[in-house]
Amino acid sequence: MISDDYLLQYINPMQKKIGSCFSVDWQKLILRSDFYYPFYLDFGIAISSLGRSDLLEALQSVIAIEYKHKNLSKADIQGFADIFQQLKNEQIWRHSEMDRLTAALTDCKSEQGRIAAELVENQVEQRRLCVELESCLEKLSLLENQTATLNANLVEMRESNSWKITKPLRWFSRLIKSMRVSES
């Protein structure tokens, strides 16, 4: 089977995944020669076609970096497998933790937005209350001035001669009023 015929068998499944509304130039689609693209996998997923010798060669180069002057045993290989599995598990955990932290960050940002809006509302309310306080202080000052004026007038009136002369008359008037109240 020539390479164009090989790729043609994937056109229909890929067009179903992409959709028929797009015109795809399959000659421009970059496919690597050392990967196998089975039609039953999702678009863009490939399986490496490394042979056993290629795999052994890659493994030997990795081991040469880690174990330059040592002999390698089955226990070492099992240890590598265990470490690799632990790393994969840790990677899965870290991804889930990152997702959790991203969700928490989103919640914190929305909470921050809510608090910022509440802060603006509180600042507006504070300004309104400050204006109201200034108004009340002005009224209080005005009332204090009126009270001081009235107290001064009262003191002046009580110090006057006419007030002193009419003192027995006021006393007699209160006596008559109290007798009327007791009779009723």
C-alpha atoms as a PDB file:
ATOM      1  CA  MET A   1       0.000   0.000   0.000  1.00  0.00           C
ATOM      2  CA  ILE A   2       1.512   3.340  -0.957  1.00  0.00           C
ATOM      3  CA  SER A   3       1.577   6.185   1.586  1.00  0.00           C
ATOM      4  CA  ASP A   4      -1.198   8.222  -0.127  1.00  0.00           C
ATOM      5  CA  ASP A   5      -3.523   5.197  -0.108  1.00  0.00           C
ATOM      6  CA  TYR A   6      -2.604   4.589   3.496  1.00  0.00           C
ATOM      7  CA  LEU A   7      -3.645   8.132   4.457  1.00  0.00           C
ATOM      8  CA  LEU A   8      -6.808   8.011   2.343  1.00  0.00           C
ATOM      9  CA  GLN A   9      -8.286   5.347   4.623  1.00  0.00           C
ATOM     10  CA  TYR A  10      -8.306   7.945   7.432  1.00  0.00           C
ATOM     11  CA  ILE A  11      -9.946  10.780   5.509  1.00  0.00           C
ATOM     12  CA  ASN A  12     -13.568   9.724   6.173  1.00  0.00           C
ATOM     13  CA  PRO A  13     -13.189   9.110   9.940  1.00  0.00           C
ATOM     14  CA  MET A  14     -11.236  12.335  10.327  1.00  0.00           C
ATOM     15  CA  GLN A  15     -13.759  14.298   8.286  1.00  0.00           C
ATOM     16  CA  LYS A  16     -16.500  12.976  10.562  1.00  0.00           C
ATOM     17  CA  LYS A  17     -14.548  14.213  13.599  1.00  0.00           C
ATOM     18  CA  ILE A  18     -13.675  17.594  12.016  1.00  0.00           C
ATOM     19  CA  GLY A  19     -16.967  18.097  10.210  1.00  0.00           C
ATOM     20  CA  SER A  20     -17.801  18.321   6.540  1.00  0.00           C
ATOM     21  CA  CYS A  21     -18.057  22.116   6.601  1.00  0.00           C
ATOM     22  CA  PHE A  22     -14.253  22.425   6.557  1.00  0.00           C
ATOM     23  CA  SER A  23     -12.219  21.732   3.491  1.00  0.00           C
ATOM     24  CA  VAL A  24      -9.028  20.036   4.583  1.00  0.00           C
ATOM     25  CA  ASP A  25      -5.926  19.866   2.448  1.00  0.00           C
ATOM     26  CA  TRP A  26      -4.616  16.452   3.500  1.00  0.00           C
ATOM     27  CA  GLN A  27      -1.292  17.031   1.781  1.00  0.00           C
ATOM     28  CA  LYS A  28      -0.560  19.840   4.272  1.00  0.00           C
ATOM     29  CA  LEU A  29      -1.487  17.727   7.272  1.00  0.00           C
ATOM     30  CA  ILE A  30       1.777  17.000   9.058  1.00  0.00           C
ATOM     31  CA  LEU A  31       2.116  13.357   9.954  1.00  0.00           C
ATOM     32  CA  ARG A  32       5.288  11.978  11.424  1.00  0.00           C
ATOM     33  CA  SER A  33       6.683   8.930   9.740  1.00  0.00           C
ATOM     34  CA  ASP A  34       7.582   7.129  12.968  1.00  0.00           C
ATOM     35  CA  PHE A  35       4.009   7.226  14.347  1.00  0.00           C
ATOM     36  CA  TYR A  36       0.995   5.095  13.529  1.00  0.00           C
ATOM     37  CA  TYR A  37      -2.394   6.860  13.262  1.00  0.00           C
ATOM     38  CA  PRO A  38      -5.137   4.268  13.827  1.00  0.00           C
ATOM     39  CA  PHE A  39      -8.569   5.343  12.574  1.00  0.00           C
ATOM     40  CA  TYR A  40     -10.336   4.338  15.806  1.00  0.00           C
ATOM     41  CA  LEU A  41      -8.410   6.867  17.937  1.00  0.00           C
ATOM     42  CA  ASP A  42      -9.328  10.542  18.233  1.00  0.00           C
ATOM     43  CA  PHE A  43      -7.993  12.998  15.694  1.00  0.00           C
ATOM     44  CA  GLY A  44      -4.424  13.978  16.534  1.00  0.00           C
ATOM     45  CA  ILE A  45      -3.635  10.899  18.648  1.00  0.00           C
ATOM     46  CA  ALA A  46      -0.908   8.617  17.420  1.00  0.00           C
ATOM     47  CA  ILE A  47       0.916   5.531  18.599  1.00  0.00           C
ATOM     48  CA  SER A  48       4.681   5.468  18.305  1.00  0.00           C
ATOM     49  CA  SER A  49       5.912   2.662  16.138  1.00  0.00           C
ATOM     50  CA  LEU A  50       9.089   2.081  18.106  1.00  0.00           C
ATOM     51  CA  GLY A  51      10.293  -1.459  17.773  1.00  0.00           C
ATOM     52  CA  ARG A  52      11.785  -3.481  20.600  1.00  0.00           C
ATOM     53  CA  SER A  53      15.314  -2.648  19.516  1.00  0.00           C
ATOM     54  CA  ASP A  54      14.450   1.092  19.418  1.00  0.00           C
ATOM     55  CA  LEU A  55      12.868   0.821  22.846  1.00  0.00           C
ATOM     56  CA  LEU A  56      15.879  -1.048  24.278  1.00  0.00           C
ATOM     57  CA  GLU A  57      18.232   1.521  22.766  1.00  0.00           C
ATOM     58  CA  ALA A  58      16.265   4.390  24.387  1.00  0.00           C
ATOM     59  CA  LEU A  59      16.168   2.548  27.719  1.00  0.00           C
ATOM     60  CA  GLN A  60      19.918   1.899  27.589  1.00  0.00           C
ATOM     61  CA  SER A  61      20.639   5.577  27.002  1.00  0.00           C
ATOM     62  CA  VAL A  62      18.443   6.541  29.992  1.00  0.00           C
ATOM     63  CA  ILE A  63      20.103   3.923  32.185  1.00  0.00           C
ATOM     64  CA  ALA A  64      23.563   5.047  31.028  1.00  0.00           C
ATOM     65  CA  ILE A  65      22.806   8.516  32.356  1.00  0.00           C
ATOM     66  CA  GLU A  66      21.530   7.259  35.733  1.00  0.00           C
ATOM     67  CA  TYR A  67      23.873   4.252  36.240  1.00  0.00           C
ATOM     68  CA  LYS A  68      27.223   5.183  34.675  1.00  0.00           C
ATOM     69  CA  HIS A  69      29.395   2.746  36.578  1.00  0.00           C
ATOM     70  CA  LYS A  70      26.931   0.329  38.124  1.00  0.00           C
ATOM     71  CA  ASN A  71      25.428  -2.973  37.227  1.00  0.00           C
ATOM     72  CA  LEU A  72      21.682  -3.023  36.762  1.00  0.00           C
ATOM     73  CA  SER A  73      19.517  -5.690  38.378  1.00  0.00           C
ATOM     74  CA  LYS A  74      15.860  -6.649  38.135  1.00  0.00           C
ATOM     75  CA  ALA A  75      15.310  -4.985  41.510  1.00  0.00           C
ATOM     76  CA  ASP A  76      16.737  -1.730  40.097  1.00  0.00           C
ATOM     77  CA  ILE A  77      14.380  -1.968  37.136  1.00  0.00           C
ATOM     78  CA  GLN A  78      11.461  -2.709  39.475  1.00  0.00           C
ATOM     79  CA  GLY A  79      12.567   0.283  41.548  1.00  0.00           C
ATOM     80  CA  PHE A  80      12.485   2.391  38.374  1.00  0.00           C
ATOM     81  CA  ALA A  81       9.014   1.105  37.629  1.00  0.00           C
ATOM     82  CA  ASP A  82       7.856   1.873  41.173  1.00  0.00           C
ATOM     83  CA  ILE A  83       9.380   5.350  41.060  1.00  0.00           C
ATOM     84  CA  PHE A  84       7.823   5.957  37.663  1.00  0.00           C
ATOM     85  CA  GLN A  85       4.419   4.864  38.983  1.00  0.00           C
ATOM     86  CA  GLN A  86       4.844   7.075  42.051  1.00  0.00           C
ATOM     87  CA  LEU A  87       5.738   9.985  39.805  1.00  0.00           C
ATOM     88  CA  LYS A  88       2.677   9.345  37.669  1.00  0.00           C
ATOM     89  CA  ASN A  89       0.487   9.183  40.783  1.00  0.00           C
ATOM     90  CA  GLU A  90       2.081  12.373  42.086  1.00  0.00           C
ATOM     91  CA  GLN A  91       1.497  14.036  38.734  1.00  0.00           C
ATOM     92  CA  ILE A  92      -2.179  13.029  38.838  1.00  0.00           C
ATOM     93  CA  TRP A  93      -2.433  14.323  42.404  1.00  0.00           C
ATOM     94  CA  ARG A  94      -0.699  17.583  41.467  1.00  0.00           C
ATOM     95  CA  HIS A  95      -3.043  18.081  38.521  1.00  0.00           C
ATOM     96  CA  SER A  96      -6.065  17.514  40.744  1.00  0.00           C
ATOM     97  CA  GLU A  97      -4.546  19.828  43.371  1.00  0.00           C
ATOM     98  CA  MET A  98      -3.924  22.453  40.682  1.00  0.00           C
ATOM     99  CA  ASP A  99      -7.538  22.129  39.562  1.00  0.00           C
ATOM    100  CA  ARG A 100      -8.701  22.504  43.167  1.00  0.00           C
ATOM    101  CA  LEU A 101      -6.448  25.495  43.721  1.00  0.00           C
ATOM    102  CA  THR A 102      -7.595  27.048  40.451  1.00  0.00           C
ATOM    103  CA  ALA A 103     -11.200  26.674  41.577  1.00  0.00           C
ATOM    104  CA  ALA A 104     -10.295  28.134  44.975  1.00  0.00           C
ATOM    105  CA  LEU A 105      -8.513  31.017  43.241  1.00  0.00           C
ATOM    106  CA  THR A 106     -11.595  31.652  41.116  1.00  0.00           C
ATOM    107  CA  ASP A 107     -13.737  31.649  44.267  1.00  0.00           C
ATOM    108  CA  CYS A 108     -11.304  34.032  45.963  1.00  0.00           C
ATOM    109  CA  LYS A 109     -11.350  36.363  42.964  1.00  0.00           C
ATOM    110  CA  SER A 110     -15.149  36.422  42.941  1.00  0.00           C
ATOM    111  CA  GLU A 111     -15.126  37.004  46.720  1.00  0.00           C
ATOM    112  CA  GLN A 112     -12.579  39.782  46.192  1.00  0.00           C
ATOM    113  CA  GLY A 113     -14.877  41.370  43.594  1.00  0.00           C
ATOM    114  CA  ARG A 114     -17.812  41.151  45.980  1.00  0.00           C
ATOM    115  CA  ILE A 115     -15.769  42.665  48.800  1.00  0.00           C
ATOM    116  CA  ALA A 116     -14.523  45.447  46.506  1.00  0.00           C
ATOM    117  CA  ALA A 117     -18.114  46.275  45.545  1.00  0.00           C
ATOM    118  CA  GLU A 118     -19.106  46.222  49.216  1.00  0.00           C
ATOM    119  CA  LEU A 119     -16.160  48.500  50.025  1.00  0.00           C
ATOM    120  CA  VAL A 120     -17.307  51.009  47.410  1.00  0.00           C
ATOM    121  CA  GLU A 121     -20.826  50.907  48.865  1.00  0.00           C
ATOM    122  CA  ASN A 122     -19.426  51.436  52.372  1.00  0.00           C
ATOM    123  CA  GLN A 123     -17.293  54.362  51.199  1.00  0.00           C
ATOM    124  CA  VAL A 124     -20.327  56.003  49.605  1.00  0.00           C
ATOM    125  CA  GLU A 125     -22.300  55.420  52.825  1.00  0.00           C
ATOM    126  CA  GLN A 126     -19.395  56.839  54.864  1.00  0.00           C
ATOM    127  CA  ARG A 127     -19.343  60.003  52.730  1.00  0.00           C
ATOM    128  CA  ARG A 128     -23.095  60.405  53.138  1.00  0.00           C
ATOM    129  CA  LEU A 129     -22.807  59.948  56.923  1.00  0.00           C
ATOM    130  CA  CYS A 130     -19.948  62.481  57.095  1.00  0.00           C
ATOM    131  CA  VAL A 131     -22.095  65.063  55.300  1.00  0.00           C
ATOM    132  CA  GLU A 132     -24.997  64.284  57.648  1.00  0.00           C
ATOM    133  CA  LEU A 133     -22.667  64.559  60.681  1.00  0.00           C
ATOM    134  CA  GLU A 134     -21.413  67.954  59.538  1.00  0.00           C
ATOM    135  CA  SER A 135     -25.009  69.110  59.118  1.00  0.00           C
ATOM    136  CA  CYS A 136     -25.898  67.869  62.615  1.00  0.00           C
ATOM    137  CA  LEU A 137     -22.820  69.579  64.090  1.00  0.00           C
ATOM    138  CA  GLU A 138     -23.843  72.850  62.443  1.00  0.00           C
ATOM    139  CA  LYS A 139     -27.359  72.507  63.883  1.00  0.00           C
ATOM    140  CA  LEU A 140     -25.894  71.662  67.315  1.00  0.00           C
ATOM    141  CA  SER A 141     -23.672  74.737  67.191  1.00  0.00           C
ATOM    142  CA  LEU A 142     -26.663  76.886  66.233  1.00  0.00           C
ATOM    143  CA  LEU A 143     -28.750  75.432  69.084  1.00  0.00           C
ATOM    144  CA  GLU A 144     -25.889  75.950  71.572  1.00  0.00           C
ATOM    145  CA  ASN A 145     -25.664  79.577  70.511  1.00  0.00           C
ATOM    146  CA  GLN A 146     -29.432  79.985  70.921  1.00  0.00           C
ATOM    147  CA  THR A 147     -29.279  78.330  74.361  1.00  0.00           C
ATOM    148  CA  ALA A 148     -26.452  80.608  75.462  1.00  0.00           C
ATOM    149  CA  THR A 149     -28.396  83.641  74.221  1.00  0.00           C
ATOM    150  CA  LEU A 150     -31.567  82.541  76.002  1.00  0.00           C
ATOM    151  CA  ASN A 151     -29.650  81.813  79.237  1.00  0.00           C
ATOM    152  CA  ALA A 152     -28.037  85.238  79.068  1.00  0.00           C
ATOM    153  CA  ASN A 153     -31.470  86.826  78.500  1.00  0.00           C
ATOM    154  CA  LEU A 154     -32.889  84.871  81.477  1.00  0.00           C
ATOM    155  CA  VAL A 155     -30.064  85.937  83.756  1.00  0.00           C
ATOM    156  CA  GLU A 156     -30.464  89.528  82.569  1.00  0.00           C
ATOM    157  CA  MET A 157     -34.226  89.379  83.176  1.00  0.00           C
ATOM    158  CA  ARG A 158     -33.818  87.940  86.700  1.00  0.00           C
ATOM    159  CA  GLU A 159     -31.252  90.620  87.510  1.00  0.00           C
ATOM    160  CA  SER A 160     -33.608  93.406  86.414  1.00  0.00           C
ATOM    161  CA  ASN A 161     -35.383  95.653  88.920  1.00  0.00           C
ATOM    162  CA  SER A 162     -38.851  94.848  87.564  1.00  0.00           C
ATOM    163  CA  TRP A 163     -38.318  91.137  88.253  1.00  0.00           C
ATOM    164  CA  LYS A 164     -37.227  91.831  91.782  1.00  0.00           C
ATOM    165  CA  ILE A 165     -40.193  94.181  92.399  1.00  0.00           C
ATOM    166  CA  THR A 166     -42.754  91.693  91.101  1.00  0.00           C
ATOM    167  CA  LYS A 167     -41.429  88.792  93.192  1.00  0.00           C
ATOM    168  CA  PRO A 168     -44.157  89.076  95.925  1.00  0.00           C
ATOM    169  CA  LEU A 169     -46.848  89.308  93.227  1.00  0.00           C
ATOM    170  CA  ARG A 170     -45.635  86.084  91.568  1.00  0.00           C
ATOM    171  CA  TRP A 171     -45.507  84.340  94.934  1.00  0.00           C
ATOM    172  CA  PHE A 172     -49.082  85.364  95.742  1.00  0.00           C
ATOM    173  CA  SER A 173     -50.245  84.246  92.253  1.00  0.00           C
ATOM    174  CA  ARG A 174     -48.735  80.761  92.776  1.00  0.00           C
ATOM    175  CA  LEU A 175     -50.425  80.502  96.156  1.00  0.00           C
ATOM    176  CA  ILE A 176     -53.866  81.230  94.685  1.00  0.00           C
ATOM    177  CA  LYS A 177     -53.324  78.720  91.858  1.00  0.00           C
ATOM    178  CA  SER A 178     -52.319  75.991  94.291  1.00  0.00           C
ATOM    179  CA  MET A 179     -55.427  76.639  96.398  1.00  0.00           C
ATOM    180  CA  ARG A 180     -57.671  76.337  93.327  1.00  0.00           C
ATOM    181  CA  VAL A 181     -56.058  73.052  92.391  1.00  0.00           C
ATOM    182  CA  SER A 182     -56.544  71.656  95.898  1.00  0.00           C
ATOM    183  CA  GLU A 183     -60.268  72.682  95.886  1.00  0.00           C
ATOM    184  CA  SER A 184     -60.987  70.889  92.637  1.00  0.00           C
END
